[in-house]
Amino acid sequence: MTPKKLILFSSAILGTMGVLVSVIIIAIGGGFSGPGPSLLNPPSAKDLWAVGNNLANGMELNYSLTDQSMASANMKEDVSMKFLDEGKDWRVLLTILNNNVSKYNLSLSKALLIPTGILDEPTQKILMPISKSIFAIRDIAREPKYLVIGAIWDTVNIGASTQSVRITGVEKIDTPAGSFNTYILGYEIGKKQSKMYLVKELPLPIKAEVYNLNGTLQYTYELKSIKR
């Protein structure tokens, strides 16, 4: 074998080994299990989900939200968000219905749906229940994540321990907005399982049940309707 062929042959072997090592690292790091991606069938871009995924101009999402962590326990409200495409950012027409009707005009980045301007303190206070429930996924999926059973998305500190937040399974669920095939993103606190339900084609979770360290339900929300 000529030196040139030997170099090409060696490069091919090293390249193949590099791909294999990368796949092993991805598989171990993500903890993939069950049907779907594996060492021989690694996940690809089609398996990724990101905050704001598939948002379109004029899309409207309507949620029911119950937040039991606020001073006024068992606070319930309906949340409506209509997204208007303004090029670099989304303009969001937000309506909150509880005892009163509050309307806001927000500018959110297309990456992670983060407010682009400074919100005054009264507005922050009113939006807090939404920020730490429906939009809490922004803190978990800071970049695109794999919708694959076993894939680790993040970790949470619970007392002195750390728990992985991962895709625990798939489930078809019924909501007022219709039936959806969902991926369950969850973690355990004691005997309680906090869950967020994700749909590959939708920009935010469609349902969630989240518990605190004491095992008390912190908040729950559900998609009531979607207009495209």
C-alpha atoms as a PDB file:
ATOM      1  CA  MET A   1       0.000   0.000   0.000  1.00  0.00           C
ATOM      2  CA  THR A   2       1.405   3.374  -1.005  1.00  0.00           C
ATOM      3  CA  PRO A   3       1.915   6.064   1.665  1.00  0.00           C
ATOM      4  CA  LYS A   4      -0.902   8.121   0.130  1.00  0.00           C
ATOM      5  CA  LYS A   5      -3.367   5.213   0.271  1.00  0.00           C
ATOM      6  CA  LEU A   6      -2.257   4.376   3.807  1.00  0.00           C
ATOM      7  CA  ILE A   7      -2.994   7.927   4.936  1.00  0.00           C
ATOM      8  CA  LEU A   8      -6.457   7.871   3.292  1.00  0.00           C
ATOM      9  CA  PHE A   9      -7.215   4.456   4.801  1.00  0.00           C
ATOM     10  CA  SER A  10      -6.140   5.605   8.287  1.00  0.00           C
ATOM     11  CA  SER A  11      -8.187   8.803   7.986  1.00  0.00           C
ATOM     12  CA  ALA A  12     -11.288   6.794   7.060  1.00  0.00           C
ATOM     13  CA  ILE A  13     -10.865   4.549  10.109  1.00  0.00           C
ATOM     14  CA  LEU A  14     -10.330   7.495  12.459  1.00  0.00           C
ATOM     15  CA  GLY A  15     -13.303   9.325  10.964  1.00  0.00           C
ATOM     16  CA  THR A  16     -15.549   6.311  11.481  1.00  0.00           C
ATOM     17  CA  MET A  17     -14.333   5.923  15.057  1.00  0.00           C
ATOM     18  CA  GLY A  18     -14.996   9.622  15.690  1.00  0.00           C
ATOM     19  CA  VAL A  19     -18.605   9.312  14.507  1.00  0.00           C
ATOM     20  CA  LEU A  20     -19.113   6.205  16.637  1.00  0.00           C
ATOM     21  CA  VAL A  21     -17.686   7.890  19.723  1.00  0.00           C
ATOM     22  CA  SER A  22     -19.908  10.921  19.131  1.00  0.00           C
ATOM     23  CA  VAL A  23     -23.001   8.714  18.848  1.00  0.00           C
ATOM     24  CA  ILE A  24     -22.066   6.882  22.055  1.00  0.00           C
ATOM     25  CA  ILE A  25     -21.578  10.175  23.908  1.00  0.00           C
ATOM     26  CA  ILE A  26     -24.946  11.464  22.655  1.00  0.00           C
ATOM     27  CA  ALA A  27     -26.695   8.238  23.612  1.00  0.00           C
ATOM     28  CA  ILE A  28     -25.156   8.090  27.092  1.00  0.00           C
ATOM     29  CA  GLY A  29     -25.619  11.799  27.762  1.00  0.00           C
ATOM     30  CA  GLY A  30     -29.230  11.756  26.663  1.00  0.00           C
ATOM     31  CA  GLY A  31     -30.040   8.419  28.260  1.00  0.00           C
ATOM     32  CA  PHE A  32     -32.122   7.410  25.241  1.00  0.00           C
ATOM     33  CA  SER A  33     -34.285   4.354  25.782  1.00  0.00           C
ATOM     34  CA  GLY A  34     -37.322   2.650  24.344  1.00  0.00           C
ATOM     35  CA  PRO A  35     -38.254   2.651  20.641  1.00  0.00           C
ATOM     36  CA  GLY A  36     -36.722   5.196  18.329  1.00  0.00           C
ATOM     37  CA  PRO A  37     -33.177   6.593  18.309  1.00  0.00           C
ATOM     38  CA  SER A  38     -30.359   4.343  19.503  1.00  0.00           C
ATOM     39  CA  LEU A  39     -26.643   3.817  18.927  1.00  0.00           C
ATOM     40  CA  LEU A  40     -27.430   2.479  15.468  1.00  0.00           C
ATOM     41  CA  ASN A  41     -30.177   5.008  14.849  1.00  0.00           C
ATOM     42  CA  PRO A  42     -29.075   8.272  16.509  1.00  0.00           C
ATOM     43  CA  PRO A  43     -31.499  11.209  16.857  1.00  0.00           C
ATOM     44  CA  SER A  44     -31.508  13.857  14.162  1.00  0.00           C
ATOM     45  CA  ALA A  45     -32.756  17.410  13.646  1.00  0.00           C
ATOM     46  CA  LYS A  46     -36.285  16.106  13.048  1.00  0.00           C
ATOM     47  CA  ASP A  47     -36.363  14.949  16.685  1.00  0.00           C
ATOM     48  CA  LEU A  48     -35.612  18.432  18.065  1.00  0.00           C
ATOM     49  CA  TRP A  49     -38.096  20.729  19.786  1.00  0.00           C
ATOM     50  CA  ALA A  50     -37.562  24.391  20.636  1.00  0.00           C
ATOM     51  CA  VAL A  51     -39.534  27.084  22.445  1.00  0.00           C
ATOM     52  CA  GLY A  52     -41.611  28.922  19.852  1.00  0.00           C
ATOM     53  CA  ASN A  53     -41.501  25.929  17.509  1.00  0.00           C
ATOM     54  CA  ASN A  54     -43.816  26.384  14.479  1.00  0.00           C
ATOM     55  CA  LEU A  55     -45.251  29.705  15.617  1.00  0.00           C
ATOM     56  CA  ALA A  56     -46.991  31.456  12.738  1.00  0.00           C
ATOM     57  CA  ASN A  57     -48.313  34.948  12.182  1.00  0.00           C
ATOM     58  CA  GLY A  58     -51.757  35.280  13.717  1.00  0.00           C
ATOM     59  CA  MET A  59     -51.583  32.089  15.821  1.00  0.00           C
ATOM     60  CA  GLU A  60     -53.614  32.373  19.004  1.00  0.00           C
ATOM     61  CA  LEU A  61     -53.171  30.125  22.048  1.00  0.00           C
ATOM     62  CA  ASN A  62     -55.748  30.113  24.837  1.00  0.00           C
ATOM     63  CA  TYR A  63     -54.985  28.499  28.215  1.00  0.00           C
ATOM     64  CA  SER A  64     -56.651  27.943  31.565  1.00  0.00           C
ATOM     65  CA  LEU A  65     -54.184  28.385  34.431  1.00  0.00           C
ATOM     66  CA  THR A  66     -54.416  27.623  38.159  1.00  0.00           C
ATOM     67  CA  ASP A  67     -51.561  28.899  40.301  1.00  0.00           C
ATOM     68  CA  GLN A  68     -51.637  27.797  43.944  1.00  0.00           C
ATOM     69  CA  SER A  69     -48.264  29.293  44.872  1.00  0.00           C
ATOM     70  CA  MET A  70     -49.481  32.879  44.996  1.00  0.00           C
ATOM     71  CA  ALA A  71     -50.689  34.657  48.144  1.00  0.00           C
ATOM     72  CA  SER A  72     -54.231  34.297  46.841  1.00  0.00           C
ATOM     73  CA  ALA A  73     -54.244  30.494  46.826  1.00  0.00           C
ATOM     74  CA  ASN A  74     -55.989  28.621  44.029  1.00  0.00           C
ATOM     75  CA  MET A  75     -55.855  31.617  41.714  1.00  0.00           C
ATOM     76  CA  LYS A  76     -57.431  30.797  38.389  1.00  0.00           C
ATOM     77  CA  GLU A  77     -57.256  32.750  35.171  1.00  0.00           C
ATOM     78  CA  ASP A  78     -57.726  32.387  31.444  1.00  0.00           C
ATOM     79  CA  VAL A  79     -54.774  33.454  29.291  1.00  0.00           C
ATOM     80  CA  SER A  80     -55.015  34.350  25.615  1.00  0.00           C
ATOM     81  CA  MET A  81     -51.935  35.029  23.472  1.00  0.00           C
ATOM     82  CA  LYS A  82     -52.092  36.125  19.843  1.00  0.00           C
ATOM     83  CA  PHE A  83     -48.732  36.225  18.045  1.00  0.00           C
ATOM     84  CA  LEU A  84     -48.091  38.759  15.287  1.00  0.00           C
ATOM     85  CA  ASP A  85     -44.916  38.521  13.217  1.00  0.00           C
ATOM     86  CA  GLU A  86     -42.898  41.746  13.259  1.00  0.00           C
ATOM     87  CA  GLY A  87     -39.776  40.397  11.580  1.00  0.00           C
ATOM     88  CA  LYS A  88     -37.151  40.193  14.306  1.00  0.00           C
ATOM     89  CA  ASP A  89     -39.614  39.753  17.189  1.00  0.00           C
ATOM     90  CA  TRP A  90     -43.156  38.656  17.972  1.00  0.00           C
ATOM     91  CA  ARG A  91     -45.736  41.187  19.029  1.00  0.00           C
ATOM     92  CA  VAL A  92     -48.041  39.393  21.459  1.00  0.00           C
ATOM     93  CA  LEU A  93     -51.554  40.562  22.196  1.00  0.00           C
ATOM     94  CA  LEU A  94     -52.030  39.168  25.684  1.00  0.00           C
ATOM     95  CA  THR A  95     -55.364  39.017  27.489  1.00  0.00           C
ATOM     96  CA  ILE A  96     -55.695  37.820  31.100  1.00  0.00           C
ATOM     97  CA  LEU A  97     -59.145  37.095  32.456  1.00  0.00           C
ATOM     98  CA  ASN A  98     -59.613  36.468  36.198  1.00  0.00           C
ATOM     99  CA  ASN A  99     -61.708  38.822  38.286  1.00  0.00           C
ATOM    100  CA  ASN A 100     -60.892  41.498  35.742  1.00  0.00           C
ATOM    101  CA  VAL A 101     -59.860  41.667  32.105  1.00  0.00           C
ATOM    102  CA  SER A 102     -56.292  42.884  31.528  1.00  0.00           C
ATOM    103  CA  LYS A 103     -54.824  43.471  28.085  1.00  0.00           C
ATOM    104  CA  TYR A 104     -51.146  43.879  27.204  1.00  0.00           C
ATOM    105  CA  ASN A 105     -49.104  44.433  24.097  1.00  0.00           C
ATOM    106  CA  LEU A 106     -45.758  42.677  24.521  1.00  0.00           C
ATOM    107  CA  SER A 107     -42.689  42.261  22.344  1.00  0.00           C
ATOM    108  CA  LEU A 108     -41.082  38.815  22.647  1.00  0.00           C
ATOM    109  CA  SER A 109     -37.922  37.581  20.975  1.00  0.00           C
ATOM    110  CA  LYS A 110     -38.282  34.796  18.432  1.00  0.00           C
ATOM    111  CA  ALA A 111     -35.581  32.940  20.339  1.00  0.00           C
ATOM    112  CA  LEU A 112     -37.049  31.632  23.622  1.00  0.00           C
ATOM    113  CA  LEU A 113     -39.942  34.130  23.613  1.00  0.00           C
ATOM    114  CA  ILE A 114     -38.202  36.446  26.066  1.00  0.00           C
ATOM    115  CA  PRO A 115     -39.462  40.048  26.573  1.00  0.00           C
ATOM    116  CA  THR A 116     -37.360  42.430  24.509  1.00  0.00           C
ATOM    117  CA  GLY A 117     -38.118  45.505  26.582  1.00  0.00           C
ATOM    118  CA  ILE A 118     -38.096  46.425  30.256  1.00  0.00           C
ATOM    119  CA  LEU A 119     -41.400  45.729  31.990  1.00  0.00           C
ATOM    120  CA  ASP A 120     -42.536  47.983  34.822  1.00  0.00           C
ATOM    121  CA  GLU A 121     -43.030  46.428  38.261  1.00  0.00           C
ATOM    122  CA  PRO A 122     -46.874  46.288  38.202  1.00  0.00           C
ATOM    123  CA  THR A 123     -46.801  44.543  34.823  1.00  0.00           C
ATOM    124  CA  GLN A 124     -44.156  42.081  36.011  1.00  0.00           C
ATOM    125  CA  LYS A 125     -46.284  41.234  39.031  1.00  0.00           C
ATOM    126  CA  ILE A 126     -49.371  40.570  36.924  1.00  0.00           C
ATOM    127  CA  LEU A 127     -47.438  38.490  34.393  1.00  0.00           C
ATOM    128  CA  MET A 128     -45.536  36.492  37.039  1.00  0.00           C
ATOM    129  CA  PRO A 129     -47.999  33.551  37.186  1.00  0.00           C
ATOM    130  CA  ILE A 130     -47.676  33.093  33.409  1.00  0.00           C
ATOM    131  CA  SER A 131     -43.890  33.543  33.393  1.00  0.00           C
ATOM    132  CA  LYS A 132     -43.335  30.796  35.959  1.00  0.00           C
ATOM    133  CA  SER A 133     -45.890  28.347  34.552  1.00  0.00           C
ATOM    134  CA  ILE A 134     -46.703  28.390  30.824  1.00  0.00           C
ATOM    135  CA  PHE A 135     -43.375  30.072  30.012  1.00  0.00           C
ATOM    136  CA  ALA A 136     -41.320  28.104  32.573  1.00  0.00           C
ATOM    137  CA  ILE A 137     -40.240  25.837  29.711  1.00  0.00           C
ATOM    138  CA  ARG A 138     -37.869  28.660  28.653  1.00  0.00           C
ATOM    139  CA  ASP A 139     -35.644  27.847  31.645  1.00  0.00           C
ATOM    140  CA  ILE A 140     -35.545  24.138  30.776  1.00  0.00           C
ATOM    141  CA  ALA A 141     -35.186  24.300  26.990  1.00  0.00           C
ATOM    142  CA  ARG A 142     -32.632  27.082  26.619  1.00  0.00           C
ATOM    143  CA  GLU A 143     -31.676  25.535  23.283  1.00  0.00           C
ATOM    144  CA  PRO A 144     -33.364  22.930  21.046  1.00  0.00           C
ATOM    145  CA  LYS A 145     -33.877  19.599  22.852  1.00  0.00           C
ATOM    146  CA  TYR A 146     -34.569  16.054  21.688  1.00  0.00           C
ATOM    147  CA  LEU A 147     -38.131  14.732  21.833  1.00  0.00           C
ATOM    148  CA  VAL A 148     -36.859  11.233  22.483  1.00  0.00           C
ATOM    149  CA  ILE A 149     -37.826   8.957  25.376  1.00  0.00           C
ATOM    150  CA  GLY A 150     -35.062   9.122  27.980  1.00  0.00           C
ATOM    151  CA  ALA A 151     -33.476  12.323  26.659  1.00  0.00           C
ATOM    152  CA  ILE A 152     -32.284  14.544  29.519  1.00  0.00           C
ATOM    153  CA  TRP A 153     -33.273  18.206  29.100  1.00  0.00           C
ATOM    154  CA  ASP A 154     -32.020  19.737  32.338  1.00  0.00           C
ATOM    155  CA  THR A 155     -31.618  19.183  36.085  1.00  0.00           C
ATOM    156  CA  VAL A 156     -33.482  20.660  39.035  1.00  0.00           C
ATOM    157  CA  ASN A 157     -32.268  21.069  42.602  1.00  0.00           C
ATOM    158  CA  ILE A 158     -34.718  19.596  45.083  1.00  0.00           C
ATOM    159  CA  GLY A 159     -33.562  20.137  48.646  1.00  0.00           C
ATOM    160  CA  ALA A 160     -30.110  18.582  48.852  1.00  0.00           C
ATOM    161  CA  SER A 161     -30.599  16.366  45.784  1.00  0.00           C
ATOM    162  CA  THR A 162     -30.562  16.917  42.046  1.00  0.00           C
ATOM    163  CA  GLN A 163     -33.106  15.359  39.686  1.00  0.00           C
ATOM    164  CA  SER A 164     -32.935  14.998  35.928  1.00  0.00           C
ATOM    165  CA  VAL A 165     -35.673  16.551  33.842  1.00  0.00           C
ATOM    166  CA  ARG A 166     -36.188  14.126  30.972  1.00  0.00           C
ATOM    167  CA  ILE A 167     -38.642  12.831  28.404  1.00  0.00           C
ATOM    168  CA  THR A 168     -40.308  10.046  30.357  1.00  0.00           C
ATOM    169  CA  GLY A 169     -42.794   8.733  27.813  1.00  0.00           C
ATOM    170  CA  VAL A 170     -45.448   9.447  25.221  1.00  0.00           C
ATOM    171  CA  GLU A 171     -49.188   9.719  25.738  1.00  0.00           C
ATOM    172  CA  LYS A 172     -52.270  10.691  23.783  1.00  0.00           C
ATOM    173  CA  ILE A 173     -54.249  13.189  25.845  1.00  0.00           C
ATOM    174  CA  ASP A 174     -57.554  14.978  25.426  1.00  0.00           C
ATOM    175  CA  THR A 175     -57.834  18.704  26.072  1.00  0.00           C
ATOM    176  CA  PRO A 176     -60.538  21.290  25.341  1.00  0.00           C
ATOM    177  CA  ALA A 177     -58.392  22.165  22.293  1.00  0.00           C
ATOM    178  CA  GLY A 178     -58.553  18.588  20.989  1.00  0.00           C
ATOM    179  CA  SER A 179     -56.639  15.301  21.205  1.00  0.00           C
ATOM    180  CA  PHE A 180     -52.858  15.367  20.915  1.00  0.00           C
ATOM    181  CA  ASN A 181     -50.024  12.873  20.775  1.00  0.00           C
ATOM    182  CA  THR A 182     -47.656  14.247  23.405  1.00  0.00           C
ATOM    183  CA  TYR A 183     -44.195  13.713  24.841  1.00  0.00           C
ATOM    184  CA  ILE A 184     -44.085  13.868  28.639  1.00  0.00           C
ATOM    185  CA  LEU A 185     -41.295  15.967  30.121  1.00  0.00           C
ATOM    186  CA  GLY A 186     -41.044  15.140  33.800  1.00  0.00           C
ATOM    187  CA  TYR A 187     -39.156  14.784  37.057  1.00  0.00           C
ATOM    188  CA  GLU A 188     -39.939  13.379  40.493  1.00  0.00           C
ATOM    189  CA  ILE A 189     -40.189  15.156  43.828  1.00  0.00           C
ATOM    190  CA  GLY A 190     -40.715  12.498  46.484  1.00  0.00           C
ATOM    191  CA  LYS A 191     -43.725  10.505  45.318  1.00  0.00           C
ATOM    192  CA  LYS A 192     -44.986  13.273  43.045  1.00  0.00           C
ATOM    193  CA  GLN A 193     -44.246  13.414  39.328  1.00  0.00           C
ATOM    194  CA  SER A 194     -44.199  16.885  37.779  1.00  0.00           C
ATOM    195  CA  LYS A 195     -45.141  16.726  34.107  1.00  0.00           C
ATOM    196  CA  MET A 196     -45.245  18.978  31.078  1.00  0.00           C
ATOM    197  CA  TYR A 197     -46.888  17.715  27.895  1.00  0.00           C
ATOM    198  CA  LEU A 198     -45.248  18.724  24.614  1.00  0.00           C
ATOM    199  CA  VAL A 199     -46.494  18.432  21.054  1.00  0.00           C
ATOM    200  CA  LYS A 200     -43.874  18.417  18.345  1.00  0.00           C
ATOM    201  CA  GLU A 201     -45.764  20.886  16.145  1.00  0.00           C
ATOM    202  CA  LEU A 202     -46.689  23.414  18.853  1.00  0.00           C
ATOM    203  CA  PRO A 203     -44.587  26.240  20.361  1.00  0.00           C
ATOM    204  CA  LEU A 204     -45.354  25.752  24.088  1.00  0.00           C
ATOM    205  CA  PRO A 205     -46.446  22.866  26.316  1.00  0.00           C
ATOM    206  CA  ILE A 206     -50.164  22.164  26.037  1.00  0.00           C
ATOM    207  CA  LYS A 207     -50.577  20.942  29.607  1.00  0.00           C
ATOM    208  CA  ALA A 208     -48.646  20.784  32.874  1.00  0.00           C
ATOM    209  CA  GLU A 209     -48.892  19.637  36.496  1.00  0.00           C
ATOM    210  CA  VAL A 210     -46.004  20.860  38.650  1.00  0.00           C
ATOM    211  CA  TYR A 211     -45.446  20.138  42.353  1.00  0.00           C
ATOM    212  CA  ASN A 212     -43.230  21.785  44.965  1.00  0.00           C
ATOM    213  CA  LEU A 213     -40.841  20.205  47.476  1.00  0.00           C
ATOM    214  CA  ASN A 214     -43.687  19.519  49.918  1.00  0.00           C
ATOM    215  CA  GLY A 215     -45.589  17.544  47.294  1.00  0.00           C
ATOM    216  CA  THR A 216     -48.236  20.254  46.941  1.00  0.00           C
ATOM    217  CA  LEU A 217     -49.528  21.126  43.496  1.00  0.00           C
ATOM    218  CA  GLN A 218     -47.822  24.386  42.548  1.00  0.00           C
ATOM    219  CA  TYR A 219     -49.581  25.097  39.274  1.00  0.00           C
ATOM    220  CA  THR A 220     -51.463  23.442  36.471  1.00  0.00           C
ATOM    221  CA  TYR A 221     -52.482  24.663  33.037  1.00  0.00           C
ATOM    222  CA  GLU A 222     -54.139  23.328  29.916  1.00  0.00           C
ATOM    223  CA  LEU A 223     -54.637  24.488  26.339  1.00  0.00           C
ATOM    224  CA  LYS A 224     -58.278  25.441  25.782  1.00  0.00           C
ATOM    225  CA  SER A 225     -58.127  26.325  22.114  1.00  0.00           C
ATOM    226  CA  ILE A 226     -55.750  27.138  19.291  1.00  0.00           C
ATOM    227  CA  LYS A 227     -56.412  29.355  16.284  1.00  0.00           C
ATOM    228  CA  ARG A 228     -54.004  29.304  13.360  1.00  0.00           C
END
